[in-house]
Structures are given as structure tokens and as C-alpha cells.
Protein backbone atom coordinates (compact mmCIF):
# COMPACT_ATOMS: atom_id res chain seq x y z
CA MET A 1 0.05 0.04 -0.02
CA PRO A 2 1.55 3.40 -0.81
CA GLY A 3 2.58 5.45 2.09
CA ILE A 4 1.15 8.80 3.10
CA ALA A 5 3.41 11.70 2.50
CA GLY A 6 4.91 13.14 5.66
CA PRO A 7 7.65 15.24 6.90
CA ALA A 8 10.90 14.56 5.21
CA GLY A 9 12.86 11.64 6.85
CA VAL A 10 9.79 10.17 8.57
CA SER A 11 8.48 6.94 7.21
CA PRO A 12 4.78 6.81 6.46
CA THR A 13 2.79 4.89 8.94
CA ILE A 14 -0.26 2.65 8.54
CA PRO A 15 -3.01 2.56 11.21
CA PRO A 16 -3.03 -0.61 13.16
CA GLN A 17 -5.53 -3.21 11.80
CA PRO A 18 -7.71 -5.13 14.32
CA THR A 19 -6.80 -8.77 14.68
CA ALA A 20 -9.44 -11.46 14.26
CA PRO A 21 -10.32 -11.70 18.00
CA ASP A 22 -10.76 -7.90 18.10
CA ALA A 23 -12.91 -8.04 15.03
CA ASN A 24 -15.15 -10.69 16.60
CA ARG A 25 -15.53 -8.77 19.82
CA ARG A 26 -16.72 -5.71 17.72
CA GLU A 27 -19.47 -7.87 16.00
CA GLY A 28 -20.49 -9.22 19.33
CA THR A 29 -20.27 -12.91 18.15
CA GLY A 30 -17.50 -13.99 20.53
CA SER A 31 -14.27 -15.83 19.73
CA ARG A 32 -15.91 -18.41 17.51
CA GLY A 33 -16.65 -15.97 14.67
CA PRO A 34 -19.88 -14.89 13.10
CA ALA A 35 -21.52 -18.38 12.88
CA ALA A 36 -24.82 -18.67 14.66
CA PRO A 37 -25.03 -20.94 17.73
CA ARG A 38 -25.50 -24.59 16.89
CA GLY A 39 -29.12 -25.18 15.75
CA GLY A 40 -29.48 -21.74 14.49
CA PRO A 41 -32.23 -19.40 15.22
CA ALA A 42 -35.88 -20.71 14.83
CA ALA A 43 -37.91 -19.62 12.05
CA PRO A 44 -40.58 -17.25 13.01
CA GLY A 45 -43.50 -19.26 14.43
CA GLY A 46 -41.58 -22.57 13.98
CA GLY A 47 -41.16 -23.03 17.71
CA LYS A 48 -44.80 -22.74 18.40
CA ARG A 49 -45.64 -25.31 15.62
CA ARG A 50 -43.12 -27.75 17.03
CA LEU A 51 -44.50 -27.34 20.48
CA THR A 52 -48.00 -27.88 19.23
CA MET A 53 -47.06 -31.05 17.42
CA PHE A 54 -45.12 -32.34 20.40
CA LEU A 55 -48.03 -31.83 22.74
CA ALA A 56 -50.43 -33.41 20.09
CA GLY A 57 -48.14 -36.48 20.00
CA ILE A 58 -48.12 -36.80 23.79
CA ALA A 59 -51.89 -36.52 23.84
CA GLY A 60 -52.22 -39.13 21.30
CA MET A 61 -50.00 -41.53 23.13
CA VAL A 62 -51.97 -40.92 26.33
CA VAL A 63 -55.29 -41.83 24.55
CA VAL A 64 -53.82 -45.03 23.12
CA ILE A 65 -52.35 -46.21 26.46
CA ALA A 66 -55.62 -45.41 28.12
CA ALA A 67 -57.52 -47.43 25.49
CA VAL A 68 -55.30 -50.45 25.81
CA LEU A 69 -55.56 -50.40 29.64
CA PHE A 70 -59.38 -50.13 29.46
CA LEU A 71 -59.68 -53.01 27.01
CA THR A 72 -57.29 -55.11 28.97
CA GLY A 73 -59.22 -54.44 32.22
CA ASN A 74 -62.44 -55.19 30.64
CA ASP A 75 -61.03 -58.51 29.25
CA ASP A 76 -59.82 -59.68 32.66
CA GLY A 77 -63.00 -58.66 34.39
CA GLY A 78 -64.98 -60.51 31.73
CA LYS A 79 -63.00 -63.66 32.36
CA LYS A 80 -63.30 -63.24 36.09
CA ASN A 81 -67.00 -62.78 35.91
CA GLN A 82 -67.31 -65.63 33.34
CA GLY A 83 -65.50 -67.92 35.73
CA ALA A 84 -67.64 -66.82 38.63
CA SER A 85 -70.86 -67.23 36.83
CA SER A 86 -69.96 -70.72 35.35
CA ALA A 87 -68.80 -72.10 38.71
CA SER A 88 -71.66 -74.19 40.30
CA PRO A 89 -71.90 -74.63 43.98
CA SER A 90 -70.29 -77.96 45.01
CA ALA A 91 -71.99 -80.50 47.13
CA GLY A 92 -71.24 -79.80 50.70
CA THR A 93 -71.25 -75.97 50.53
CA GLY A 94 -74.84 -75.73 51.58
CA THR A 95 -75.37 -72.79 49.18
CA ASP A 96 -78.51 -72.38 47.00
CA LEU A 97 -80.34 -75.15 48.59
CA PRO A 98 -84.08 -75.44 48.50
CA ALA A 99 -86.11 -74.25 51.36
CA GLY A 100 -86.05 -76.66 54.25
CA VAL A 101 -82.93 -78.40 53.08
CA LYS A 102 -80.18 -77.97 55.74
CA CYS A 103 -77.15 -79.77 54.28
CA ALA A 104 -75.43 -81.00 51.16
CA GLY A 105 -72.70 -83.51 50.50
CA ALA A 106 -70.16 -83.95 53.22
CA GLY A 107 -72.23 -81.68 55.53
CA CYS A 108 -74.93 -84.45 55.48
CA THR A 109 -72.76 -87.26 56.61
CA GLY A 110 -73.89 -88.85 59.94
CA LYS A 111 -77.11 -86.81 59.97
CA ASP A 112 -80.80 -87.74 59.93
CA ALA A 113 -82.22 -87.46 56.47
CA GLU A 114 -85.76 -86.41 57.67
CA ALA A 115 -84.42 -83.84 60.02
CA MET A 116 -82.11 -82.38 57.38
CA GLY A 117 -84.96 -81.96 54.80
CA CYS A 118 -83.43 -84.55 52.43
CA SER A 119 -86.40 -87.01 52.37
CA GLY A 120 -89.97 -86.53 51.06
CA ASP A 121 -90.17 -85.40 47.49
CA LEU A 122 -86.25 -85.11 47.30
CA VAL A 123 -85.55 -88.91 47.74
CA THR A 124 -85.72 -91.90 45.37
CA THR A 125 -85.00 -95.55 45.98
CA ALA A 126 -81.85 -96.14 43.98
CA LYS A 127 -81.31 -99.80 44.77
CA THR A 128 -83.35 -102.62 46.43
CA ALA A 129 -82.87 -106.13 47.58
CA THR A 130 -84.88 -108.74 49.61
CA VAL A 131 -83.44 -110.38 52.72
CA GLY A 132 -85.77 -112.73 54.08
CA ALA A 133 -89.11 -111.11 54.62
CA THR A 134 -87.39 -107.77 54.86
CA THR A 135 -86.93 -105.16 52.01
CA LEU A 136 -83.57 -103.51 51.83
CA GLU A 137 -83.09 -100.21 50.03
CA VAL A 138 -80.51 -97.58 49.25
CA ARG A 139 -82.34 -94.13 49.51
CA TYR A 140 -80.74 -91.32 47.60
CA SER A 141 -81.28 -87.56 47.51
CA ARG A 142 -79.58 -85.78 44.60
CA THR A 143 -80.40 -82.43 46.04
CA CYS A 144 -78.51 -83.27 49.19
CA GLY A 145 -75.74 -85.28 47.55
CA ALA A 146 -76.26 -88.06 50.12
CA ALA A 147 -77.59 -91.63 50.48
CA TRP A 148 -78.81 -93.76 53.36
CA GLY A 149 -80.02 -97.40 53.93
CA ARG A 150 -83.39 -98.43 55.01
CA ILE A 151 -85.18 -101.79 55.81
CA THR A 152 -88.96 -102.28 55.98
CA GLY A 153 -91.01 -105.32 57.01
CA ALA A 154 -88.32 -105.90 59.63
CA ALA A 155 -88.47 -106.92 63.31
CA ARG A 156 -86.70 -106.13 66.51
CA GLY A 157 -82.89 -107.06 66.35
CA ASP A 158 -82.76 -106.45 62.66
CA SER A 159 -80.24 -103.82 61.45
CA VAL A 160 -79.14 -102.01 58.34
CA ARG A 161 -75.95 -100.30 57.31
CA ILE A 162 -74.84 -98.19 54.37
CA THR A 163 -71.30 -97.74 53.08
CA ALA A 164 -69.84 -95.22 50.79
CA GLY A 165 -66.02 -95.35 50.31
CA THR A 166 -64.65 -95.75 53.80
CA THR A 167 -67.71 -94.26 55.63
CA THR A 168 -70.27 -96.64 57.13
CA GLU A 169 -73.51 -95.61 58.97
CA ARG A 170 -75.82 -98.08 60.79
CA GLY A 171 -79.45 -98.22 61.92
CA ASP A 172 -81.13 -100.78 64.28
CA ILE A 173 -84.74 -101.78 65.35
CA THR A 174 -84.59 -102.00 69.10
CA ALA A 175 -88.27 -101.57 70.03
CA THR A 176 -90.97 -104.27 69.73
CA GLY A 177 -93.44 -103.58 67.12
CA ASP A 178 -91.19 -101.40 64.98
CA THR A 179 -90.79 -102.62 61.35
CA ILE A 180 -88.69 -99.74 59.77
CA ALA A 181 -85.14 -98.63 60.35
CA TYR A 182 -82.82 -96.47 58.48
CA THR A 183 -79.34 -95.26 58.79
CA PRO A 184 -77.78 -91.72 59.00
CA MET A 185 -76.65 -90.28 55.63
CA VAL A 186 -73.35 -90.59 53.94
CA ALA A 187 -72.08 -88.25 51.16
CA VAL A 188 -72.01 -89.62 47.60
CA LYS A 189 -71.51 -88.24 44.22
CA ASP A 190 -74.25 -90.42 42.95
CA ALA A 191 -76.25 -93.47 44.14
CA THR A 192 -73.87 -95.98 42.43
CA GLY A 193 -71.36 -94.90 45.15
CA ALA A 194 -73.48 -96.47 47.98
CA LYS A 195 -74.03 -100.00 49.20
CA ALA A 196 -76.69 -101.08 51.75
CA CYS A 197 -76.61 -104.35 53.65
CA ALA A 198 -79.14 -105.90 56.16
CA THR A 199 -78.43 -108.25 59.13
CA LEU A 200 -81.53 -109.89 60.53
CA ALA A 201 -81.97 -111.07 64.02
CA SER A 202 -82.12 -114.65 62.60
CA GLY A 203 -78.60 -114.21 61.28
CA ARG A 204 -79.51 -113.89 57.65
CA THR A 205 -77.71 -111.17 55.71
CA GLY A 206 -77.90 -109.61 52.28
CA CYS A 207 -76.67 -106.47 50.40
CA THR A 208 -77.60 -104.35 47.48
CA THR A 209 -75.35 -104.54 44.37
């Protein structure tokens, strides 16, 4: 660059130029130069649009999750309700029994059929046999889930017993003039699970099949 004329003998001078850091400071951009901060300034309105889209996405996810939880809860509840409605009361629970019936299944074992409301219209003769002049029967109540033995046309000293599995109950005629005796009940799933036998005072015996 040509010098500026000055007094004789004096070399022309050039004003000092700002260094790069000085120039950066004058622009207010800092020591990294004029490049905008990473990411750059957002376009006018872009920030609001992105925020709106972000919030909308979150809201959508919440709706989907809520729907999944709702459907899953209903499915489990349905299965539970279905299981509860399909389950029938088992014998021995004593639930949902007709009026006057006081036991069912195992709850009837060792108890009197008439006193527990298991006789009358609720009983049938499931098996029968003849022992001498005595009629031997297996009496069965499906409602009560129980059976018992009975002898008719019998005499004092005659006895009857009924067996179901390992359980046996017995009834005897002890008074003169009595002709009927029956045993306490035993729990059975059906009448085929019970067997009745009679032992007469004469020593004669017999059983149902």
C-alpha cells in the first residue's frame, strides 16, 4: 500500500488493523466467529408449531395407552365374571339349597335325612334287595348329595348299614313292634357310590349290588 506523504525523513505509517479476535468482539459474536449458535435461530412461528405437534403427539400416546388399559381391564374382568358365573356350588357348601334343606354332600354325613330335609319329594329308591321277609333299600337324595340305607317289614333285632367309600353308617330296630329302620346319611356323588346291607336277628344277611 502506498505510504502517506509526511515530513521528510519520516516513514509513512499505517494505522493498526484489528486482529481477528478484536474484530469478533466488535461484532459481538464471541471468539468463534460470526457463525450462529448450533441449531441456528428458529424460523418465526416454527417453535410454536413444533411445541403444538409435540403436545399433540403426547396427547395421542396418552389416549392409546388409556384405551389399551381399558380394554385389558375389561377382558380380565370378563374372564373373572365368566369364571364366577360358570362355577356351580359344589356339594357340601350348603349354598343355593331349596327351602327346608339344611345340608349337602359332606355336611350331611352322619345326620338324619328327615331332620335335614333330604327326604320326602327329594328322595328316590336307587337300589333294592330282599333279605328274608325284609326289603332293603338304598335311598338317595340328589339335592343333598347323600344316601342312606333303609329296611322295611323288619323286626326287633334287625339292622341295616350303608357304606360309601370308607364311611359306614348303621341303623337298628330296638323296640318291639317297629318294622322300619334307616341309617344316618353318607355323602355320595351319585347313588352308585353307596351300598346297603341288612343283618336280621335270625342271622340272615344280604346286600344291594
